[in-house]
N, C-alpha and C. Protein backbone atom coordinates (compact mmCIF):
# COMPACT_ATOMS: atom_id res chain seq x y z
N PHE A 1 120.94 92.73 94.30
CA PHE A 1 119.75 92.44 95.10
C PHE A 1 119.82 91.03 95.63
N ALA A 2 119.33 90.81 96.79
CA ALA A 2 119.35 89.48 97.38
C ALA A 2 117.93 89.00 97.57
N PRO A 3 117.64 87.75 97.19
CA PRO A 3 116.31 87.22 97.40
C PRO A 3 115.91 87.25 98.87
N GLU A 4 114.74 87.79 99.17
CA GLU A 4 114.28 87.87 100.56
C GLU A 4 113.32 86.72 100.84
N GLU A 5 112.52 86.36 99.92
CA GLU A 5 111.51 85.33 100.18
C GLU A 5 111.24 84.57 98.92
N GLU A 6 111.25 83.27 99.01
CA GLU A 6 110.86 82.43 97.87
C GLU A 6 109.42 82.10 97.99
N LEU A 7 108.61 82.51 96.99
CA LEU A 7 107.17 82.35 97.10
C LEU A 7 106.67 80.98 96.70
N SER A 8 107.47 80.27 95.91
CA SER A 8 107.03 78.96 95.47
C SER A 8 108.21 78.13 95.06
N ARG A 9 108.06 76.84 95.19
CA ARG A 9 109.12 75.93 94.71
C ARG A 9 108.63 75.11 93.52
N SER A 10 107.56 75.56 92.93
CA SER A 10 107.06 74.93 91.72
C SER A 10 107.95 75.32 90.54
N PRO A 11 107.73 74.71 89.36
CA PRO A 11 108.54 75.11 88.17
C PRO A 11 108.43 76.59 87.87
N SER A 12 107.31 77.26 88.25
CA SER A 12 107.18 78.70 88.00
C SER A 12 107.62 79.46 89.25
N VAL A 13 108.79 79.11 89.76
CA VAL A 13 109.27 79.74 90.99
C VAL A 13 109.41 81.23 90.84
N GLU A 14 109.00 81.94 91.91
CA GLU A 14 109.10 83.40 91.93
C GLU A 14 109.90 83.83 93.17
N GLU A 15 110.73 84.81 93.00
CA GLU A 15 111.50 85.31 94.13
C GLU A 15 111.09 86.74 94.40
N TRP A 16 110.97 87.06 95.67
CA TRP A 16 110.57 88.39 96.10
C TRP A 16 111.88 89.13 96.45
N ILE A 17 112.13 90.19 95.78
CA ILE A 17 113.39 90.93 95.99
C ILE A 17 113.07 92.30 96.54
N GLU A 18 113.55 92.58 97.73
CA GLU A 18 113.30 93.84 98.41
C GLU A 18 114.46 94.78 98.12
N LEU A 19 114.12 95.99 97.68
CA LEU A 19 115.19 96.84 97.08
C LEU A 19 115.94 97.70 98.11
N GLU A 20 115.43 97.86 99.27
CA GLU A 20 116.13 98.71 100.24
C GLU A 20 116.24 98.01 101.59
N PRO A 21 117.03 96.97 101.68
CA PRO A 21 117.12 96.21 102.94
C PRO A 21 117.71 97.01 104.06
N GLU A 22 118.43 98.11 103.81
CA GLU A 22 119.05 98.84 104.90
C GLU A 22 118.04 99.56 105.80
N LEU A 23 116.79 99.65 105.32
CA LEU A 23 115.77 100.34 106.12
C LEU A 23 114.82 99.34 106.83
N ARG A 24 115.17 98.07 106.87
CA ARG A 24 114.33 97.13 107.59
C ARG A 24 114.39 97.45 109.09
N PRO A 25 113.30 97.26 109.82
CA PRO A 25 113.27 97.60 111.23
C PRO A 25 114.29 96.92 112.13
N PRO A 26 114.60 95.61 111.94
CA PRO A 26 115.51 94.95 112.90
C PRO A 26 116.91 95.58 112.90
N ARG A 27 117.64 95.28 113.96
CA ARG A 27 119.01 95.72 114.13
C ARG A 27 119.16 97.24 114.07
N MET A 28 118.46 97.90 114.95
CA MET A 28 118.49 99.36 114.97
C MET A 28 119.57 99.89 115.91
N ASP A 29 120.60 99.06 116.23
CA ASP A 29 121.67 99.49 117.12
C ASP A 29 122.65 100.43 116.42
N ASN A 30 122.63 100.47 115.11
CA ASN A 30 123.54 101.31 114.36
C ASN A 30 123.01 102.76 114.36
N PRO A 31 123.85 103.72 114.86
CA PRO A 31 123.36 105.12 114.91
C PRO A 31 123.00 105.68 113.51
N ALA A 32 123.78 105.29 112.50
CA ALA A 32 123.50 105.77 111.14
C ALA A 32 122.13 105.28 110.67
N LYS A 33 121.80 104.05 110.98
CA LYS A 33 120.50 103.51 110.58
C LYS A 33 119.39 104.20 111.36
N ARG A 34 119.63 104.44 112.65
CA ARG A 34 118.60 105.10 113.46
C ARG A 34 118.29 106.48 112.88
N TYR A 35 119.35 107.19 112.52
CA TYR A 35 119.12 108.52 111.96
C TYR A 35 118.41 108.43 110.60
N GLY A 36 118.78 107.50 109.77
CA GLY A 36 118.12 107.33 108.48
C GLY A 36 116.65 107.01 108.63
N VAL A 37 116.31 106.15 109.55
CA VAL A 37 114.89 105.83 109.77
C VAL A 37 114.15 107.03 110.32
N TRP A 38 114.81 107.78 111.24
CA TRP A 38 114.16 108.99 111.77
C TRP A 38 113.88 109.98 110.64
N TRP A 39 114.84 110.23 109.78
CA TRP A 39 114.67 111.19 108.68
C TRP A 39 113.51 110.76 107.77
N HIS A 40 113.47 109.48 107.40
CA HIS A 40 112.42 109.01 106.52
C HIS A 40 111.06 109.12 107.18
N ASP A 41 110.96 108.79 108.47
CA ASP A 41 109.69 108.94 109.18
C ASP A 41 109.24 110.39 109.25
N PHE A 42 110.19 111.31 109.52
CA PHE A 42 109.88 112.71 109.60
C PHE A 42 109.45 113.28 108.22
N ALA A 43 110.23 112.96 107.20
CA ALA A 43 109.95 113.50 105.85
C ALA A 43 108.60 113.00 105.35
N GLU A 44 108.22 111.79 105.72
CA GLU A 44 106.94 111.25 105.27
C GLU A 44 105.79 112.04 105.81
N GLN A 45 105.94 112.71 106.93
CA GLN A 45 104.86 113.45 107.58
C GLN A 45 104.66 114.86 106.99
N ILE A 46 105.60 115.32 106.19
CA ILE A 46 105.50 116.68 105.66
C ILE A 46 104.44 116.73 104.53
N ASP A 47 103.56 117.67 104.66
CA ASP A 47 102.58 117.94 103.62
C ASP A 47 103.19 118.99 102.67
N TRP A 48 103.79 118.53 101.60
CA TRP A 48 104.50 119.46 100.71
C TRP A 48 103.56 120.40 99.99
N ARG A 49 102.27 120.15 100.02
CA ARG A 49 101.29 121.04 99.41
C ARG A 49 100.92 122.18 100.33
N SER A 50 101.31 122.14 101.57
CA SER A 50 100.96 123.16 102.53
C SER A 50 101.99 124.27 102.52
N GLU A 51 101.78 125.28 103.35
CA GLU A 51 102.74 126.37 103.47
C GLU A 51 104.02 125.91 104.16
N PRO A 52 105.16 126.53 103.79
CA PRO A 52 106.44 126.17 104.44
C PRO A 52 106.40 126.21 105.98
N LYS A 53 105.56 127.12 106.50
CA LYS A 53 105.44 127.19 107.97
C LYS A 53 104.99 125.86 108.53
N LYS A 54 104.10 125.16 107.84
CA LYS A 54 103.63 123.86 108.31
C LYS A 54 104.74 122.84 108.26
N TRP A 55 105.64 122.94 107.27
CA TRP A 55 106.75 122.01 107.22
C TRP A 55 107.62 122.16 108.46
N SER A 56 107.88 123.41 108.84
CA SER A 56 108.71 123.66 110.00
C SER A 56 108.05 123.16 111.26
N GLU A 57 106.73 123.29 111.34
CA GLU A 57 105.99 122.75 112.51
C GLU A 57 106.13 121.24 112.58
N THR A 58 106.06 120.58 111.44
CA THR A 58 106.25 119.14 111.41
C THR A 58 107.64 118.74 111.87
N PHE A 59 108.62 119.51 111.43
CA PHE A 59 110.02 119.26 111.87
C PHE A 59 110.12 119.44 113.41
N ALA A 60 109.55 120.51 113.91
CA ALA A 60 109.65 120.79 115.36
C ALA A 60 109.01 119.68 116.18
N ARG A 61 107.88 119.12 115.68
CA ARG A 61 107.20 118.05 116.41
C ARG A 61 108.07 116.78 116.47
N ASN A 62 108.88 116.57 115.44
CA ASN A 62 109.67 115.34 115.32
C ASN A 62 111.08 115.47 115.89
N LEU A 63 111.50 116.69 116.17
CA LEU A 63 112.90 116.90 116.52
C LEU A 63 113.34 116.14 117.77
N ALA A 64 112.51 116.11 118.77
CA ALA A 64 112.89 115.45 120.03
C ALA A 64 113.19 113.99 119.86
N ALA A 65 112.59 113.36 118.85
CA ALA A 65 112.81 111.92 118.62
C ALA A 65 114.08 111.64 117.82
N SER A 66 114.71 112.69 117.32
CA SER A 66 115.92 112.48 116.52
C SER A 66 117.08 111.94 117.37
N PRO A 67 117.84 110.99 116.84
CA PRO A 67 119.01 110.49 117.56
C PRO A 67 120.18 111.47 117.52
N ASP A 68 120.05 112.51 116.69
CA ASP A 68 121.13 113.51 116.56
C ASP A 68 120.47 114.85 116.26
N VAL A 69 120.09 115.57 117.34
CA VAL A 69 119.29 116.79 117.18
C VAL A 69 120.06 117.85 116.38
N ALA A 70 121.34 118.05 116.69
CA ALA A 70 122.11 119.06 116.00
C ALA A 70 122.20 118.78 114.52
N ARG A 71 122.42 117.51 114.18
CA ARG A 71 122.48 117.15 112.76
C ARG A 71 121.14 117.36 112.09
N SER A 72 120.07 117.00 112.76
CA SER A 72 118.72 117.19 112.17
C SER A 72 118.47 118.67 111.88
N LYS A 73 118.83 119.53 112.79
CA LYS A 73 118.62 120.97 112.55
C LYS A 73 119.40 121.46 111.37
N ARG A 74 120.65 121.03 111.29
CA ARG A 74 121.56 121.45 110.21
C ARG A 74 121.01 120.95 108.86
N GLU A 75 120.61 119.70 108.80
CA GLU A 75 120.20 119.13 107.53
C GLU A 75 118.81 119.60 107.11
N TRP A 76 117.99 119.93 108.08
CA TRP A 76 116.66 120.54 107.76
C TRP A 76 116.87 121.90 107.12
N GLN A 77 117.83 122.67 107.67
CA GLN A 77 118.10 123.99 107.08
C GLN A 77 118.61 123.87 105.65
N LEU A 78 119.45 122.85 105.41
CA LEU A 78 119.97 122.61 104.07
C LEU A 78 118.82 122.29 103.09
N LEU A 79 117.90 121.46 103.56
CA LEU A 79 116.76 121.08 102.70
C LEU A 79 115.89 122.30 102.41
N GLN A 80 115.62 123.12 103.39
CA GLN A 80 114.83 124.31 103.16
C GLN A 80 115.49 125.23 102.17
N SER A 81 116.81 125.41 102.28
CA SER A 81 117.52 126.26 101.33
C SER A 81 117.47 125.69 99.92
N HIS A 82 117.57 124.38 99.83
CA HIS A 82 117.52 123.77 98.52
C HIS A 82 116.13 123.95 97.87
N ILE A 83 115.10 123.76 98.65
CA ILE A 83 113.73 123.89 98.11
C ILE A 83 113.42 125.33 97.68
N GLU A 84 114.04 126.30 98.37
CA GLU A 84 113.80 127.70 98.03
C GLU A 84 114.49 128.10 96.73
N SER A 85 115.43 127.30 96.24
CA SER A 85 116.11 127.61 95.00
C SER A 85 115.16 127.39 93.81
N ASP A 86 115.55 127.98 92.68
CA ASP A 86 114.67 127.90 91.49
C ASP A 86 114.67 126.53 90.86
N ASP A 87 115.74 125.81 90.99
CA ASP A 87 115.85 124.50 90.34
C ASP A 87 115.72 123.37 91.35
N GLY A 88 115.90 122.17 90.84
CA GLY A 88 115.93 120.99 91.72
C GLY A 88 114.59 120.66 92.34
N LEU A 89 114.62 120.25 93.59
CA LEU A 89 113.44 119.69 94.24
C LEU A 89 112.34 120.72 94.36
N GLY A 90 112.69 121.98 94.62
CA GLY A 90 111.67 123.04 94.75
C GLY A 90 110.82 123.14 93.50
N ARG A 91 111.45 123.08 92.34
CA ARG A 91 110.71 123.15 91.09
C ARG A 91 109.80 121.94 90.91
N VAL A 92 110.27 120.77 91.29
CA VAL A 92 109.47 119.55 91.20
C VAL A 92 108.22 119.67 92.07
N LEU A 93 108.38 120.16 93.29
CA LEU A 93 107.27 120.28 94.21
C LEU A 93 106.25 121.31 93.70
N ARG A 94 106.72 122.38 93.10
CA ARG A 94 105.82 123.41 92.60
C ARG A 94 105.03 122.98 91.37
N GLU A 95 105.66 122.19 90.52
CA GLU A 95 105.06 121.87 89.22
C GLU A 95 104.22 120.59 89.25
N ALA A 96 104.31 119.81 90.34
CA ALA A 96 103.64 118.52 90.35
C ALA A 96 102.14 118.63 90.46
N ASP A 97 101.43 117.78 89.74
CA ASP A 97 99.98 117.69 89.88
C ASP A 97 99.62 116.74 91.02
N PHE A 98 100.50 115.83 91.29
CA PHE A 98 100.23 114.79 92.30
C PHE A 98 101.55 114.45 92.99
N LEU A 99 101.49 114.36 94.32
CA LEU A 99 102.65 113.97 95.12
C LEU A 99 102.32 112.80 95.99
N CYS A 100 103.22 111.87 96.11
CA CYS A 100 103.00 110.71 96.96
C CYS A 100 104.29 110.39 97.72
N GLN A 101 104.15 110.19 99.03
CA GLN A 101 105.34 109.88 99.85
C GLN A 101 105.29 108.42 100.30
N GLU A 102 106.46 107.83 100.40
CA GLU A 102 106.57 106.42 100.80
C GLU A 102 105.62 105.58 99.93
N MET A 103 105.80 105.71 98.63
CA MET A 103 104.92 105.04 97.69
C MET A 103 105.45 103.62 97.41
N PRO A 104 104.73 102.60 97.83
CA PRO A 104 105.19 101.22 97.58
C PRO A 104 104.91 100.80 96.16
N PHE A 105 105.72 99.93 95.62
CA PHE A 105 105.46 99.35 94.33
C PHE A 105 105.82 97.86 94.35
N PHE A 106 105.16 97.13 93.51
CA PHE A 106 105.40 95.69 93.36
C PHE A 106 105.36 95.40 91.89
N TRP A 107 106.46 94.98 91.31
CA TRP A 107 106.54 94.79 89.86
C TRP A 107 107.09 93.40 89.55
N ARG A 108 106.34 92.68 88.75
CA ARG A 108 106.78 91.34 88.35
C ARG A 108 107.57 91.47 87.05
N VAL A 109 108.76 90.91 87.08
CA VAL A 109 109.63 90.93 85.89
C VAL A 109 110.22 89.53 85.73
N ASN A 110 109.95 88.94 84.60
CA ASN A 110 110.39 87.56 84.34
C ASN A 110 109.89 86.65 85.44
N SER A 111 110.77 85.93 86.14
CA SER A 111 110.31 85.00 87.19
C SER A 111 110.42 85.58 88.60
N LYS A 112 110.67 86.90 88.68
CA LYS A 112 110.87 87.50 89.99
C LYS A 112 109.94 88.69 90.18
N CYS A 113 109.78 89.08 91.43
CA CYS A 113 108.96 90.21 91.80
C CYS A 113 109.82 91.22 92.53
N LEU A 114 109.86 92.45 92.04
CA LEU A 114 110.62 93.50 92.72
C LEU A 114 109.67 94.32 93.55
N GLU A 115 110.08 94.54 94.81
CA GLU A 115 109.27 95.36 95.71
C GLU A 115 110.15 96.47 96.25
N GLY A 116 109.59 97.68 96.32
CA GLY A 116 110.36 98.78 96.88
C GLY A 116 109.42 99.87 97.36
N ILE A 117 110.01 100.90 97.94
CA ILE A 117 109.23 102.05 98.40
C ILE A 117 109.95 103.30 97.89
N VAL A 118 109.23 104.13 97.11
CA VAL A 118 109.75 105.37 96.63
C VAL A 118 109.50 106.43 97.70
N ASP A 119 110.58 107.08 98.15
CA ASP A 119 110.40 108.03 99.25
C ASP A 119 109.50 109.21 98.85
N LEU A 120 109.69 109.74 97.67
CA LEU A 120 108.86 110.85 97.20
C LEU A 120 108.66 110.72 95.69
N ALA A 121 107.42 110.71 95.25
CA ALA A 121 107.11 110.60 93.83
C ALA A 121 106.19 111.74 93.45
N SER A 122 106.43 112.29 92.26
CA SER A 122 105.54 113.33 91.74
C SER A 122 105.12 112.98 90.34
N LEU A 123 103.94 113.46 89.96
CA LEU A 123 103.40 113.17 88.63
C LEU A 123 102.86 114.43 88.02
N SER A 124 103.28 114.75 86.80
CA SER A 124 102.71 115.83 86.03
C SER A 124 101.88 115.21 84.92
N GLN A 125 100.57 115.24 85.10
CA GLN A 125 99.68 114.46 84.24
C GLN A 125 99.69 114.96 82.80
N ASN A 126 99.64 116.27 82.60
CA ASN A 126 99.59 116.78 81.22
C ASN A 126 100.82 116.40 80.41
N ALA A 127 101.96 116.41 81.07
CA ALA A 127 103.21 116.07 80.40
C ALA A 127 103.51 114.60 80.44
N ASN A 128 102.68 113.84 81.15
CA ASN A 128 102.91 112.40 81.34
C ASN A 128 104.34 112.13 81.83
N ARG A 129 104.75 112.89 82.84
CA ARG A 129 106.09 112.75 83.39
C ARG A 129 105.98 112.45 84.88
N ALA A 130 106.91 111.68 85.37
CA ALA A 130 107.01 111.37 86.81
C ALA A 130 108.43 111.63 87.29
N PHE A 131 108.55 111.89 88.55
CA PHE A 131 109.83 112.12 89.19
C PHE A 131 109.88 111.30 90.46
N ILE A 132 110.95 110.57 90.66
CA ILE A 132 111.09 109.78 91.88
C ILE A 132 112.36 110.18 92.62
N LEU A 133 112.25 110.24 93.93
CA LEU A 133 113.34 110.73 94.76
C LEU A 133 113.57 109.74 95.89
N ASP A 134 114.83 109.56 96.23
CA ASP A 134 115.17 108.74 97.40
C ASP A 134 116.04 109.59 98.34
N TRP A 135 115.65 109.69 99.62
CA TRP A 135 116.45 110.39 100.59
C TRP A 135 117.66 109.56 100.95
N LYS A 136 118.85 110.15 101.01
CA LYS A 136 120.07 109.46 101.40
C LYS A 136 120.71 110.24 102.56
N THR A 137 120.86 109.54 103.70
CA THR A 137 121.38 110.20 104.88
C THR A 137 122.85 109.85 105.15
N ASN A 138 123.54 109.30 104.16
CA ASN A 138 124.95 108.97 104.33
C ASN A 138 125.74 110.22 104.66
N ARG A 139 126.65 110.15 105.57
CA ARG A 139 127.47 111.30 105.93
C ARG A 139 128.67 111.38 104.96
N ILE A 140 128.58 112.30 104.03
CA ILE A 140 129.63 112.48 103.03
C ILE A 140 130.04 113.95 102.94
N ALA A 141 131.20 114.16 102.35
CA ALA A 141 131.67 115.53 102.09
C ALA A 141 130.97 116.06 100.83
N ILE A 142 130.88 117.36 100.72
CA ILE A 142 130.10 117.93 99.62
C ILE A 142 130.69 117.59 98.27
N ASP A 143 132.01 117.34 98.21
CA ASP A 143 132.64 117.02 96.93
C ASP A 143 132.60 115.52 96.61
N LYS A 144 131.87 114.73 97.40
CA LYS A 144 131.80 113.30 97.20
C LYS A 144 130.41 112.85 96.68
N ILE A 145 129.64 113.79 96.18
CA ILE A 145 128.27 113.44 95.77
C ILE A 145 128.29 112.44 94.62
N ASP A 146 129.31 112.52 93.75
CA ASP A 146 129.37 111.55 92.63
C ASP A 146 129.58 110.13 93.11
N ILE A 147 130.28 109.98 94.22
CA ILE A 147 130.50 108.66 94.80
C ILE A 147 129.13 108.12 95.30
N LEU A 148 128.33 108.99 95.89
CA LEU A 148 127.01 108.59 96.40
C LEU A 148 126.12 108.20 95.21
N ARG A 149 126.19 108.97 94.15
CA ARG A 149 125.39 108.64 92.95
C ARG A 149 125.73 107.25 92.45
N GLU A 150 127.02 106.98 92.40
CA GLU A 150 127.46 105.67 91.89
C GLU A 150 127.02 104.53 92.82
N LEU A 151 127.10 104.81 94.12
CA LEU A 151 126.75 103.81 95.12
C LEU A 151 125.28 103.33 94.97
N TYR A 152 124.39 104.28 94.64
CA TYR A 152 122.96 103.97 94.59
C TYR A 152 122.41 103.88 93.16
N ARG A 153 123.31 103.84 92.18
CA ARG A 153 122.85 103.78 90.78
C ARG A 153 121.98 102.55 90.53
N ALA A 154 122.42 101.40 91.02
CA ALA A 154 121.68 100.16 90.79
C ALA A 154 120.27 100.23 91.36
N GLN A 155 120.15 100.70 92.59
CA GLN A 155 118.86 100.84 93.23
C GLN A 155 117.94 101.76 92.42
N MET A 156 118.46 102.90 92.05
CA MET A 156 117.64 103.89 91.34
C MET A 156 117.29 103.40 89.94
N ALA A 157 118.17 102.62 89.32
CA ALA A 157 117.84 102.06 88.01
C ALA A 157 116.66 101.10 88.12
N ALA A 158 116.64 100.28 89.18
CA ALA A 158 115.52 99.37 89.38
C ALA A 158 114.23 100.15 89.67
N TYR A 159 114.31 101.17 90.52
CA TYR A 159 113.14 102.03 90.77
C TYR A 159 112.63 102.62 89.47
N TRP A 160 113.55 103.22 88.73
CA TRP A 160 113.23 103.90 87.47
C TRP A 160 112.53 102.97 86.47
N GLN A 161 113.10 101.78 86.33
CA GLN A 161 112.53 100.83 85.37
C GLN A 161 111.15 100.36 85.84
N ALA A 162 111.01 100.08 87.11
CA ALA A 162 109.72 99.61 87.65
C ALA A 162 108.66 100.65 87.51
N ILE A 163 108.92 101.88 87.91
CA ILE A 163 107.90 102.93 87.83
C ILE A 163 107.58 103.30 86.39
N SER A 164 108.59 103.26 85.53
CA SER A 164 108.34 103.50 84.10
C SER A 164 107.34 102.47 83.57
N ASN A 165 107.55 101.22 83.89
CA ASN A 165 106.66 100.16 83.39
C ASN A 165 105.29 100.20 84.02
N LEU A 166 105.23 100.52 85.28
CA LEU A 166 103.95 100.50 86.00
C LEU A 166 103.07 101.70 85.65
N THR A 167 103.67 102.85 85.33
CA THR A 167 102.90 104.07 85.06
C THR A 167 102.78 104.41 83.61
N GLY A 168 103.73 103.97 82.79
CA GLY A 168 103.75 104.38 81.40
C GLY A 168 104.22 105.81 81.17
N ALA A 169 104.64 106.47 82.25
CA ALA A 169 105.13 107.86 82.18
C ALA A 169 106.64 107.86 81.90
N ARG A 170 107.09 109.02 81.46
CA ARG A 170 108.53 109.24 81.35
C ARG A 170 109.05 109.64 82.74
N VAL A 171 109.94 108.82 83.25
CA VAL A 171 110.35 108.99 84.68
C VAL A 171 111.76 109.57 84.77
N SER A 172 111.90 110.52 85.66
CA SER A 172 113.23 111.06 86.05
C SER A 172 113.50 110.57 87.46
N ALA A 173 114.77 110.31 87.78
CA ALA A 173 115.13 109.80 89.10
C ALA A 173 116.28 110.55 89.67
N ALA A 174 116.24 110.71 91.01
CA ALA A 174 117.31 111.45 91.71
C ALA A 174 117.42 110.95 93.15
N ILE A 175 118.55 111.19 93.76
CA ILE A 175 118.72 111.03 95.16
C ILE A 175 119.01 112.42 95.79
N TYR A 176 118.59 112.61 97.01
CA TYR A 176 118.91 113.84 97.74
C TYR A 176 119.79 113.51 98.90
N SER A 177 120.95 114.14 98.98
CA SER A 177 121.88 113.92 100.08
C SER A 177 121.56 114.92 101.20
N THR A 178 121.07 114.41 102.33
CA THR A 178 120.71 115.27 103.44
C THR A 178 121.96 115.93 104.06
N ALA A 179 123.10 115.24 103.99
CA ALA A 179 124.32 115.75 104.58
C ALA A 179 124.89 116.95 103.85
N THR A 180 124.69 116.99 102.51
CA THR A 180 125.26 118.07 101.73
C THR A 180 124.22 119.04 101.18
N GLY A 181 122.97 118.68 101.24
CA GLY A 181 121.92 119.52 100.66
C GLY A 181 121.91 119.54 99.16
N GLN A 182 122.40 118.43 98.56
CA GLN A 182 122.50 118.36 97.09
C GLN A 182 121.52 117.34 96.51
N LEU A 183 120.97 117.71 95.37
CA LEU A 183 120.13 116.80 94.60
C LEU A 183 120.98 116.23 93.45
N ALA A 184 121.06 114.92 93.37
CA ALA A 184 121.88 114.27 92.32
C ALA A 184 120.93 113.56 91.38
N MET A 185 120.88 114.08 90.15
CA MET A 185 120.01 113.47 89.14
C MET A 185 120.74 112.38 88.39
N TYR A 186 119.97 111.44 87.86
CA TYR A 186 120.50 110.39 87.00
C TYR A 186 120.02 110.61 85.57
N ASP A 187 120.92 110.37 84.62
CA ASP A 187 120.53 110.42 83.22
C ASP A 187 119.78 109.17 82.84
N ASP A 188 118.84 109.32 81.91
CA ASP A 188 118.07 108.15 81.47
C ASP A 188 118.96 107.07 80.88
N ASP A 189 119.97 107.53 80.10
CA ASP A 189 120.85 106.56 79.44
C ASP A 189 121.63 105.72 80.47
N GLU A 190 122.12 106.34 81.52
CA GLU A 190 122.91 105.57 82.51
C GLU A 190 122.01 104.62 83.30
N LEU A 191 120.76 105.03 83.55
CA LEU A 191 119.83 104.14 84.24
C LEU A 191 119.44 102.98 83.33
N ARG A 192 119.24 103.29 82.08
CA ARG A 192 118.88 102.23 81.11
C ARG A 192 120.03 101.21 81.01
N GLN A 193 121.26 101.71 80.96
CA GLN A 193 122.41 100.81 80.84
C GLN A 193 122.59 99.98 82.12
N GLU A 194 122.35 100.62 83.29
CA GLU A 194 122.48 99.91 84.56
C GLU A 194 121.41 98.84 84.67
N TRP A 195 120.20 99.16 84.26
CA TRP A 195 119.12 98.18 84.33
C TRP A 195 119.41 96.98 83.42
N ARG A 196 119.99 97.27 82.28
CA ARG A 196 120.37 96.20 81.35
C ARG A 196 121.34 95.23 82.04
N ARG A 197 122.28 95.80 82.78
CA ARG A 197 123.26 94.97 83.49
C ARG A 197 122.57 94.19 84.59
N LEU A 198 121.70 94.82 85.37
CA LEU A 198 121.02 94.16 86.47
C LEU A 198 120.07 93.06 85.97
N SER A 199 119.36 93.35 84.90
CA SER A 199 118.35 92.40 84.44
C SER A 199 118.97 91.12 83.88
N GLY A 200 120.27 91.13 83.65
CA GLY A 200 120.92 89.91 83.23
C GLY A 200 120.97 88.87 84.34
N ASN A 201 120.70 89.29 85.60
CA ASN A 201 120.68 88.35 86.73
C ASN A 201 119.31 87.76 86.94
N PHE A 202 118.29 88.22 86.19
CA PHE A 202 116.96 87.77 86.43
C PHE A 202 116.58 86.57 85.55
């Protein structure tokens, strides 16, 4: 993580660390970034509590704005197929008591403040469990999902630790690859170990 803003130069200096700098608005000349921003904007508009027909209507309304229409159609079909399966994201959506999209968080740890946005968060109140998901639009082959998991392990460890501390719930974390239609879960132990490594820099 790179410090984005220094809030004070007093002895109690605090640094503001933004966890997903690749989604900042400036420098939108990169086609991959444009597509990633489009997907996040589109997915945020879906009412997952509504009927699947409404999801498709939301997709249709947003399709013309996509920088890659053919890719959007293909990846939307992959997501629909994944949700229709018994496991994975479909189960999370069905069992959740509460769903929140583009959920911001701000967590103070030691002398720094971590800020991020969870793309999709669910909460099961009776079980005191939460699930956090981050959409990943990287173009990868289906057999490279483990590489994607490793690439974003640090980010998801920070999200996992922050949401665990802020909610007191037992949190599960995953990324969803739009290119492959795969949900990649993280084990609690690997996130805990990764956070231990990251927190040594704080």
